[in-house]
């Protein structure tokens, strides 16, 4: 299993990030974005809600790894830009 941990967003300058983080749903919001925008299904870990877990199959193809890389780069770009689409439906 692999994890991708996001920084705490409860003090973010982006109102949408801060509001979702204060409710404890930031990891869930990012997971929802990954599903909607990239068809990647993941979920936060039970003990660290800002950490998304990835459980790749032993039969994982290079194309799936490439798709995940593109998706995570997209998420990081949205975070860097402060784009509220990351956490809004």
PDB file of N, CA and C in Angstrom:
ATOM      1  N   UNK A   1       0.841  -1.166   0.000  1.00  0.00           N
ATOM      2  CA  UNK A   1       0.000   0.000   0.000  1.00  0.00           C
ATOM      3  C   UNK A   1       0.894   1.239   0.000  1.00  0.00           C
ATOM      4  N   UNK A   2       0.470   2.237  -0.738  1.00  0.00           N
ATOM      5  CA  UNK A   2       1.175   3.510  -0.807  1.00  0.00           C
ATOM      6  C   UNK A   2       0.258   4.601  -0.288  1.00  0.00           C
ATOM      7  N   UNK A   3       0.838   5.646   0.267  1.00  0.00           N
ATOM      8  CA  UNK A   3       0.044   6.769   0.747  1.00  0.00           C
ATOM      9  C   UNK A   3       0.565   8.072   0.173  1.00  0.00           C
ATOM     10  N   UNK A   4      -0.330   9.011  -0.021  1.00  0.00           N
ATOM     11  CA  UNK A   4       0.007  10.343  -0.504  1.00  0.00           C
ATOM     12  C   UNK A   4      -0.585  11.319   0.498  1.00  0.00           C
ATOM     13  N   UNK A   5       0.274  11.954   1.278  1.00  0.00           N
ATOM     14  CA  UNK A   5      -0.191  12.810   2.365  1.00  0.00           C
ATOM     15  C   UNK A   5      -0.211  14.278   1.939  1.00  0.00           C
ATOM     16  N   UNK A   6      -1.328  14.929   2.227  1.00  0.00           N
ATOM     17  CA  UNK A   6      -1.483  16.352   1.943  1.00  0.00           C
ATOM     18  C   UNK A   6      -1.266  17.136   3.224  1.00  0.00           C
ATOM     19  N   UNK A   7      -0.706  18.323   3.086  1.00  0.00           N
ATOM     20  CA  UNK A   7      -0.501  19.201   4.235  1.00  0.00           C
ATOM     21  C   UNK A   7      -1.851  19.595   4.823  1.00  0.00           C
ATOM     22  N   UNK A   8      -1.851  19.846   6.105  1.00  0.00           N
ATOM     23  CA  UNK A   8      -3.056  20.300   6.796  1.00  0.00           C
ATOM     24  C   UNK A   8      -3.539  21.602   6.156  1.00  0.00           C
ATOM     25  N   UNK A   9      -4.822  21.697   5.882  1.00  0.00           N
ATOM     26  CA  UNK A   9      -5.378  22.857   5.187  1.00  0.00           C
ATOM     27  C   UNK A   9      -6.287  23.722   6.059  1.00  0.00           C
ATOM     28  N   UNK A  10      -6.322  23.467   7.372  1.00  0.00           N
ATOM     29  CA  UNK A  10      -7.222  24.237   8.230  1.00  0.00           C
ATOM     30  C   UNK A  10      -6.811  25.709   8.354  1.00  0.00           C
ATOM     31  N   UNK A  11      -5.606  26.037   7.931  1.00  0.00           N
ATOM     32  CA  UNK A  11      -5.164  27.431   7.970  1.00  0.00           C
ATOM     33  C   UNK A  11      -4.910  27.964   6.559  1.00  0.00           C
ATOM     34  N   UNK A  12      -5.482  27.288   5.574  1.00  0.00           N
ATOM     35  CA  UNK A  12      -5.301  27.691   4.182  1.00  0.00           C
ATOM     36  C   UNK A  12      -5.891  29.068   3.927  1.00  0.00           C
ATOM     37  N   UNK A  13      -5.285  29.803   3.010  1.00  0.00           N
ATOM     38  CA  UNK A  13      -5.823  31.089   2.588  1.00  0.00           C
ATOM     39  C   UNK A  13      -7.003  30.903   1.636  1.00  0.00           C
ATOM     40  N   UNK A  14      -7.162  29.692   1.127  1.00  0.00           N
ATOM     41  CA  UNK A  14      -8.272  29.390   0.223  1.00  0.00           C
ATOM     42  C   UNK A  14      -9.475  28.980   1.074  1.00  0.00           C
ATOM     43  N   UNK A  15     -10.514  29.784   1.039  1.00  0.00           N
ATOM     44  CA  UNK A  15     -11.686  29.550   1.884  1.00  0.00           C
ATOM     45  C   UNK A  15     -12.256  28.147   1.710  1.00  0.00           C
ATOM     46  N   UNK A  16     -12.366  27.680   0.470  1.00  0.00           N
ATOM     47  CA  UNK A  16     -12.956  26.363   0.213  1.00  0.00           C
ATOM     48  C   UNK A  16     -12.113  25.243   0.829  1.00  0.00           C
ATOM     49  N   UNK A  17     -10.798  25.343   0.736  1.00  0.00           N
ATOM     50  CA  UNK A  17      -9.921  24.322   1.332  1.00  0.00           C
ATOM     51  C   UNK A  17     -10.057  24.335   2.849  1.00  0.00           C
ATOM     52  N   UNK A  18     -10.013  25.537   3.407  1.00  0.00           N
ATOM     53  CA  UNK A  18     -10.086  25.668   4.862  1.00  0.00           C
ATOM     54  C   UNK A  18     -11.413  25.123   5.400  1.00  0.00           C
ATOM     55  N   UNK A  19     -12.513  25.442   4.750  1.00  0.00           N
ATOM     56  CA  UNK A  19     -13.826  25.001   5.215  1.00  0.00           C
ATOM     57  C   UNK A  19     -13.944  23.483   5.197  1.00  0.00           C
ATOM     58  N   UNK A  20     -13.492  22.866   4.135  1.00  0.00           N
ATOM     59  CA  UNK A  20     -13.554  21.398   4.031  1.00  0.00           C
ATOM     60  C   UNK A  20     -12.620  20.768   5.061  1.00  0.00           C
ATOM     61  N   UNK A  21     -11.439  21.334   5.225  1.00  0.00           N
ATOM     62  CA  UNK A  21     -10.469  20.789   6.187  1.00  0.00           C
ATOM     63  C   UNK A  21     -10.968  20.914   7.617  1.00  0.00           C
ATOM     64  N   UNK A  22     -11.606  22.027   7.943  1.00  0.00           N
ATOM     65  CA  UNK A  22     -12.115  22.220   9.305  1.00  0.00           C
ATOM     66  C   UNK A  22     -13.184  21.196   9.657  1.00  0.00           C
ATOM     67  N   UNK A  23     -13.878  20.684   8.650  1.00  0.00           N
ATOM     68  CA  UNK A  23     -14.890  19.656   8.868  1.00  0.00           C
ATOM     69  C   UNK A  23     -14.286  18.248   8.864  1.00  0.00           C
ATOM     70  N   UNK A  24     -12.994  18.151   8.563  1.00  0.00           N
ATOM     71  CA  UNK A  24     -12.318  16.856   8.532  1.00  0.00           C
ATOM     72  C   UNK A  24     -12.530  16.084   7.244  1.00  0.00           C
ATOM     73  N   UNK A  25     -12.887  16.796   6.163  1.00  0.00           N
ATOM     74  CA  UNK A  25     -13.209  16.113   4.911  1.00  0.00           C
ATOM     75  C   UNK A  25     -12.250  16.410   3.765  1.00  0.00           C
ATOM     76  N   UNK A  26     -11.094  17.006   4.037  1.00  0.00           N
ATOM     77  CA  UNK A  26     -10.213  17.390   2.934  1.00  0.00           C
ATOM     78  C   UNK A  26      -9.786  16.185   2.095  1.00  0.00           C
ATOM     79  N   UNK A  27      -9.342  15.121   2.742  1.00  0.00           N
ATOM     80  CA  UNK A  27      -8.935  13.924   2.007  1.00  0.00           C
ATOM     81  C   UNK A  27     -10.067  13.327   1.200  1.00  0.00           C
ATOM     82  N   UNK A  28     -11.268  13.349   1.762  1.00  0.00           N
ATOM     83  CA  UNK A  28     -12.433  12.837   1.047  1.00  0.00           C
ATOM     84  C   UNK A  28     -12.738  13.698  -0.177  1.00  0.00           C
ATOM     85  N   UNK A  29     -12.603  15.015  -0.033  1.00  0.00           N
ATOM     86  CA  UNK A  29     -12.857  15.918  -1.155  1.00  0.00           C
ATOM     87  C   UNK A  29     -11.859  15.678  -2.287  1.00  0.00           C
ATOM     88  N   UNK A  30     -10.589  15.490  -1.948  1.00  0.00           N
ATOM     89  CA  UNK A  30      -9.577  15.216  -2.972  1.00  0.00           C
ATOM     90  C   UNK A  30      -9.848  13.866  -3.626  1.00  0.00           C
ATOM     91  N   UNK A  31     -10.225  12.875  -2.836  1.00  0.00           N
ATOM     92  CA  UNK A  31     -10.555  11.564  -3.394  1.00  0.00           C
ATOM     93  C   UNK A  31     -11.740  11.669  -4.350  1.00  0.00           C
ATOM     94  N   UNK A  32     -12.727  12.493  -3.992  1.00  0.00           N
ATOM     95  CA  UNK A  32     -13.870  12.707  -4.877  1.00  0.00           C
ATOM     96  C   UNK A  32     -13.459  13.357  -6.185  1.00  0.00           C
ATOM     97  N   UNK A  33     -12.552  14.321  -6.093  1.00  0.00           N
ATOM     98  CA  UNK A  33     -12.058  14.966  -7.315  1.00  0.00           C
ATOM     99  C   UNK A  33     -11.348  13.948  -8.207  1.00  0.00           C
ATOM    100  N   UNK A  34     -10.506  13.115  -7.623  1.00  0.00           N
ATOM    101  CA  UNK A  34      -9.788  12.112  -8.409  1.00  0.00           C
ATOM    102  C   UNK A  34     -10.753  11.161  -9.112  1.00  0.00           C
ATOM    103  N   UNK A  35     -11.825  10.826  -8.443  1.00  0.00           N
ATOM    104  CA  UNK A  35     -12.815   9.940  -9.056  1.00  0.00           C
ATOM    105  C   UNK A  35     -13.549  10.658 -10.191  1.00  0.00           C
ATOM    106  N   UNK A  36     -14.008  11.874  -9.941  1.00  0.00           N
ATOM    107  CA  UNK A  36     -14.761  12.615 -10.964  1.00  0.00           C
ATOM    108  C   UNK A  36     -13.895  12.985 -12.169  1.00  0.00           C
ATOM    109  N   UNK A  37     -12.720  13.497 -11.910  1.00  0.00           N
ATOM    110  CA  UNK A  37     -11.897  14.048 -12.994  1.00  0.00           C
ATOM    111  C   UNK A  37     -11.025  13.017 -13.695  1.00  0.00           C
ATOM    112  N   UNK A  38     -10.641  11.959 -12.959  1.00  0.00           N
ATOM    113  CA  UNK A  38      -9.659  11.027 -13.529  1.00  0.00           C
ATOM    114  C   UNK A  38     -10.062   9.554 -13.442  1.00  0.00           C
ATOM    115  N   UNK A  39     -11.265   9.301 -12.878  1.00  0.00           N
ATOM    116  CA  UNK A  39     -11.744   7.929 -12.718  1.00  0.00           C
ATOM    117  C   UNK A  39     -10.773   7.069 -11.905  1.00  0.00           C
ATOM    118  N   UNK A  40     -10.177   7.686 -10.892  1.00  0.00           N
ATOM    119  CA  UNK A  40      -9.287   6.973  -9.980  1.00  0.00           C
ATOM    120  C   UNK A  40      -9.990   6.876  -8.641  1.00  0.00           C
ATOM    121  N   UNK A  41     -10.145   5.646  -8.172  1.00  0.00           N
ATOM    122  CA  UNK A  41     -10.846   5.403  -6.914  1.00  0.00           C
ATOM    123  C   UNK A  41      -9.815   5.205  -5.805  1.00  0.00           C
ATOM    124  N   UNK A  42      -9.907   6.059  -4.803  1.00  0.00           N
ATOM    125  CA  UNK A  42      -9.035   5.963  -3.631  1.00  0.00           C
ATOM    126  C   UNK A  42      -9.820   6.470  -2.430  1.00  0.00           C
ATOM    127  N   UNK A  43      -9.212   6.407  -1.262  1.00  0.00           N
ATOM    128  CA  UNK A  43      -9.910   6.777  -0.045  1.00  0.00           C
ATOM    129  C   UNK A  43      -8.878   7.180   0.991  1.00  0.00           C
ATOM    130  N   UNK A  44      -9.186   8.120   1.874  1.00  0.00           N
ATOM    131  CA  UNK A  44      -8.240   8.453   2.943  1.00  0.00           C
ATOM    132  C   UNK A  44      -8.053   7.270   3.890  1.00  0.00           C
ATOM    133  N   UNK A  45      -6.924   7.243   4.544  1.00  0.00           N
ATOM    134  CA  UNK A  45      -6.706   6.215   5.558  1.00  0.00           C
ATOM    135  C   UNK A  45      -7.564   6.540   6.774  1.00  0.00           C
ATOM    136  N   UNK A  46      -7.913   5.535   7.540  1.00  0.00           N
ATOM    137  CA  UNK A  46      -8.783   5.735   8.701  1.00  0.00           C
ATOM    138  C   UNK A  46      -8.112   6.574   9.785  1.00  0.00           C
ATOM    139  N   UNK A  47      -6.804   6.455   9.910  1.00  0.00           N
ATOM    140  CA  UNK A  47      -6.095   7.142  10.992  1.00  0.00           C
ATOM    141  C   UNK A  47      -5.496   8.488  10.587  1.00  0.00           C
ATOM    142  N   UNK A  48      -5.476   8.792   9.289  1.00  0.00           N
ATOM    143  CA  UNK A  48      -4.895  10.057   8.810  1.00  0.00           C
ATOM    144  C   UNK A  48      -5.729  10.540   7.628  1.00  0.00           C
ATOM    145  N   UNK A  49      -6.691  11.394   7.896  1.00  0.00           N
ATOM    146  CA  UNK A  49      -7.664  11.784   6.872  1.00  0.00           C
ATOM    147  C   UNK A  49      -7.095  12.651   5.761  1.00  0.00           C
ATOM    148  N   UNK A  50      -5.863  13.128   5.910  1.00  0.00           N
ATOM    149  CA  UNK A  50      -5.212  13.890   4.842  1.00  0.00           C
ATOM    150  C   UNK A  50      -4.289  13.015   4.000  1.00  0.00           C
ATOM    151  N   UNK A  51      -4.323  11.711   4.250  1.00  0.00           N
ATOM    152  CA  UNK A  51      -3.481  10.778   3.505  1.00  0.00           C
ATOM    153  C   UNK A  51      -4.365   9.859   2.672  1.00  0.00           C
ATOM    154  N   UNK A  52      -4.186   9.913   1.357  1.00  0.00           N
ATOM    155  CA  UNK A  52      -4.916   9.014   0.472  1.00  0.00           C
ATOM    156  C   UNK A  52      -4.128   7.724   0.337  1.00  0.00           C
ATOM    157  N   UNK A  53      -4.835   6.623   0.328  1.00  0.00           N
ATOM    158  CA  UNK A  53      -4.148   5.328   0.210  1.00  0.00           C
ATOM    159  C   UNK A  53      -4.356   4.759  -1.186  1.00  0.00           C
ATOM    160  N   UNK A  54      -3.315   4.123  -1.665  1.00  0.00           N
ATOM    161  CA  UNK A  54      -3.347   3.464  -2.969  1.00  0.00           C
ATOM    162  C   UNK A  54      -2.897   2.028  -2.765  1.00  0.00           C
ATOM    163  N   UNK A  55      -3.725   1.104  -3.183  1.00  0.00           N
ATOM    164  CA  UNK A  55      -3.429  -0.318  -3.035  1.00  0.00           C
ATOM    165  C   UNK A  55      -3.368  -0.943  -4.424  1.00  0.00           C
ATOM    166  N   UNK A  56      -2.232  -0.822  -5.086  1.00  0.00           N
ATOM    167  CA  UNK A  56      -2.139  -1.326  -6.464  1.00  0.00           C
ATOM    168  C   UNK A  56      -2.165  -2.848  -6.519  1.00  0.00           C
ATOM    169  N   UNK A  57      -2.763  -3.344  -7.563  1.00  0.00           N
ATOM    170  CA  UNK A  57      -2.786  -4.774  -7.832  1.00  0.00           C
ATOM    171  C   UNK A  57      -1.398  -5.242  -8.244  1.00  0.00           C
ATOM    172  N   UNK A  58      -1.126  -6.495  -8.003  1.00  0.00           N
ATOM    173  CA  UNK A  58       0.145  -7.069  -8.454  1.00  0.00           C
ATOM    174  C   UNK A  58       0.206  -7.063  -9.988  1.00  0.00           C
ATOM    175  N   UNK A  59      -0.934  -6.958 -10.633  1.00  0.00           N
ATOM    176  CA  UNK A  59      -1.011  -6.954 -12.094  1.00  0.00           C
ATOM    177  C   UNK A  59      -1.097  -5.536 -12.663  1.00  0.00           C
ATOM    178  N   UNK A  60      -0.647  -4.565 -11.911  1.00  0.00           N
ATOM    179  CA  UNK A  60      -0.722  -3.165 -12.309  1.00  0.00           C
ATOM    180  C   UNK A  60       0.096  -2.915 -13.570  1.00  0.00           C
ATOM    181  N   UNK A  61      -0.540  -2.283 -14.538  1.00  0.00           N
ATOM    182  CA  UNK A  61       0.129  -1.979 -15.810  1.00  0.00           C
ATOM    183  C   UNK A  61       0.766  -0.587 -15.758  1.00  0.00           C
ATOM    184  N   UNK A  62       1.757  -0.382 -16.589  1.00  0.00           N
ATOM    185  CA  UNK A  62       2.434   0.916 -16.666  1.00  0.00           C
ATOM    186  C   UNK A  62       1.457   2.041 -17.005  1.00  0.00           C
ATOM    187  N   UNK A  63       0.444   1.761 -17.813  1.00  0.00           N
ATOM    188  CA  UNK A  63      -0.531   2.774 -18.197  1.00  0.00           C
ATOM    189  C   UNK A  63      -1.295   3.279 -16.975  1.00  0.00           C
ATOM    190  N   UNK A  64      -1.610   2.395 -16.057  1.00  0.00           N
ATOM    191  CA  UNK A  64      -2.327   2.797 -14.836  1.00  0.00           C
ATOM    192  C   UNK A  64      -1.441   3.669 -13.953  1.00  0.00           C
ATOM    193  N   UNK A  65      -0.178   3.344 -13.875  1.00  0.00           N
ATOM    194  CA  UNK A  65       0.766   4.156 -13.099  1.00  0.00           C
ATOM    195  C   UNK A  65       0.875   5.547 -13.724  1.00  0.00           C
ATOM    196  N   UNK A  66       0.960   5.589 -15.043  1.00  0.00           N
ATOM    197  CA  UNK A  66       1.041   6.877 -15.741  1.00  0.00           C
ATOM    198  C   UNK A  66      -0.215   7.709 -15.509  1.00  0.00           C
ATOM    199  N   UNK A  67      -1.382   7.055 -15.521  1.00  0.00           N
ATOM    200  CA  UNK A  67      -2.645   7.768 -15.290  1.00  0.00           C
ATOM    201  C   UNK A  67      -2.693   8.347 -13.883  1.00  0.00           C
ATOM    202  N   UNK A  68      -2.218   7.594 -12.904  1.00  0.00           N
ATOM    203  CA  UNK A  68      -2.181   8.087 -11.534  1.00  0.00           C
ATOM    204  C   UNK A  68      -1.221   9.267 -11.411  1.00  0.00           C
ATOM    205  N   UNK A  69      -0.083   9.182 -12.070  1.00  0.00           N
ATOM    206  CA  UNK A  69       0.872  10.298 -12.019  1.00  0.00           C
ATOM    207  C   UNK A  69       0.255  11.570 -12.581  1.00  0.00           C
ATOM    208  N   UNK A  70      -0.421  11.465 -13.710  1.00  0.00           N
ATOM    209  CA  UNK A  70      -1.073  12.632 -14.312  1.00  0.00           C
ATOM    210  C   UNK A  70      -2.110  13.198 -13.352  1.00  0.00           C
ATOM    211  N   UNK A  71      -2.895  12.333 -12.732  1.00  0.00           N
ATOM    212  CA  UNK A  71      -3.946  12.773 -11.811  1.00  0.00           C
ATOM    213  C   UNK A  71      -3.363  13.475 -10.591  1.00  0.00           C
ATOM    214  N   UNK A  72      -2.313  12.915 -10.003  1.00  0.00           N
ATOM    215  CA  UNK A  72      -1.715  13.527  -8.822  1.00  0.00           C
ATOM    216  C   UNK A  72      -1.032  14.850  -9.164  1.00  0.00           C
ATOM    217  N   UNK A  73      -0.443  14.942 -10.335  1.00  0.00           N
ATOM    218  CA  UNK A  73       0.131  16.220 -10.771  1.00  0.00           C
ATOM    219  C   UNK A  73      -0.964  17.269 -10.951  1.00  0.00           C
ATOM    220  N   UNK A  74      -2.116  16.828 -11.456  1.00  0.00           N
ATOM    221  CA  UNK A  74      -3.257  17.729 -11.602  1.00  0.00           C
ATOM    222  C   UNK A  74      -3.705  18.238 -10.236  1.00  0.00           C
ATOM    223  N   UNK A  75      -3.845  17.341  -9.272  1.00  0.00           N
ATOM    224  CA  UNK A  75      -4.250  17.730  -7.916  1.00  0.00           C
ATOM    225  C   UNK A  75      -3.246  18.716  -7.325  1.00  0.00           C
ATOM    226  N   UNK A  76      -1.973  18.421  -7.460  1.00  0.00           N
ATOM    227  CA  UNK A  76      -0.949  19.319  -6.913  1.00  0.00           C
ATOM    228  C   UNK A  76      -0.986  20.684  -7.596  1.00  0.00           C
ATOM    229  N   UNK A  77      -1.241  20.712  -8.892  1.00  0.00           N
ATOM    230  CA  UNK A  77      -1.361  21.978  -9.608  1.00  0.00           C
ATOM    231  C   UNK A  77      -2.552  22.796  -9.120  1.00  0.00           C
ATOM    232  N   UNK A  78      -3.672  22.122  -8.872  1.00  0.00           N
ATOM    233  CA  UNK A  78      -4.846  22.822  -8.357  1.00  0.00           C
ATOM    234  C   UNK A  78      -4.578  23.366  -6.960  1.00  0.00           C
ATOM    235  N   UNK A  79      -3.918  22.581  -6.127  1.00  0.00           N
ATOM    236  CA  UNK A  79      -3.564  23.042  -4.782  1.00  0.00           C
ATOM    237  C   UNK A  79      -2.660  24.263  -4.849  1.00  0.00           C
ATOM    238  N   UNK A  80      -1.653  24.184  -5.686  1.00  0.00           N
ATOM    239  CA  UNK A  80      -0.696  25.284  -5.820  1.00  0.00           C
ATOM    240  C   UNK A  80      -1.399  26.558  -6.282  1.00  0.00           C
ATOM    241  N   UNK A  81      -2.380  26.400  -7.184  1.00  0.00           N
ATOM    242  CA  UNK A  81      -3.098  27.550  -7.728  1.00  0.00           C
ATOM    243  C   UNK A  81      -4.220  28.030  -6.802  1.00  0.00           C
ATOM    244  N   UNK A  82      -4.527  27.240  -5.777  1.00  0.00           N
ATOM    245  CA  UNK A  82      -5.633  27.606  -4.893  1.00  0.00           C
ATOM    246  C   UNK A  82      -6.984  27.475  -5.575  1.00  0.00           C
ATOM    247  N   UNK A  83      -7.092  26.544  -6.506  1.00  0.00           N
ATOM    248  CA  UNK A  83      -8.301  26.363  -7.294  1.00  0.00           C
ATOM    249  C   UNK A  83      -9.364  25.629  -6.474  1.00  0.00           C
ATOM    250  N   UNK A  84     -10.504  26.261  -6.205  1.00  0.00           N
ATOM    251  CA  UNK A  84     -11.535  25.643  -5.368  1.00  0.00           C
ATOM    252  C   UNK A  84     -12.226  24.452  -6.030  1.00  0.00           C
ATOM    253  N   UNK A  85     -12.044  24.265  -7.348  1.00  0.00           N
ATOM    254  CA  UNK A  85     -12.651  23.096  -8.007  1.00  0.00           C
ATOM    255  C   UNK A  85     -12.182  21.790  -7.393  1.00  0.00           C
ATOM    256  N   UNK A  86     -11.013  21.819  -6.751  1.00  0.00           N
ATOM    257  CA  UNK A  86     -10.475  20.611  -6.136  1.00  0.00           C
ATOM    258  C   UNK A  86     -11.419  20.049  -5.074  1.00  0.00           C
ATOM    259  N   UNK A  87     -12.102  20.926  -4.350  1.00  0.00           N
ATOM    260  CA  UNK A  87     -12.925  20.464  -3.237  1.00  0.00           C
ATOM    261  C   UNK A  87     -14.408  20.735  -3.422  1.00  0.00           C
ATOM    262  N   UNK A  88     -14.805  21.234  -4.586  1.00  0.00           N
ATOM    263  CA  UNK A  88     -16.222  21.517  -4.812  1.00  0.00           C
ATOM    264  C   UNK A  88     -16.793  20.485  -5.792  1.00  0.00           C
ATOM    265  N   UNK A  89     -18.064  20.263  -5.660  1.00  0.00           N
ATOM    266  CA  UNK A  89     -18.724  19.284  -6.548  1.00  0.00           C
ATOM    267  C   UNK A  89     -18.866  19.881  -7.883  1.00  0.00           C
TER     268      UNK A  89
END
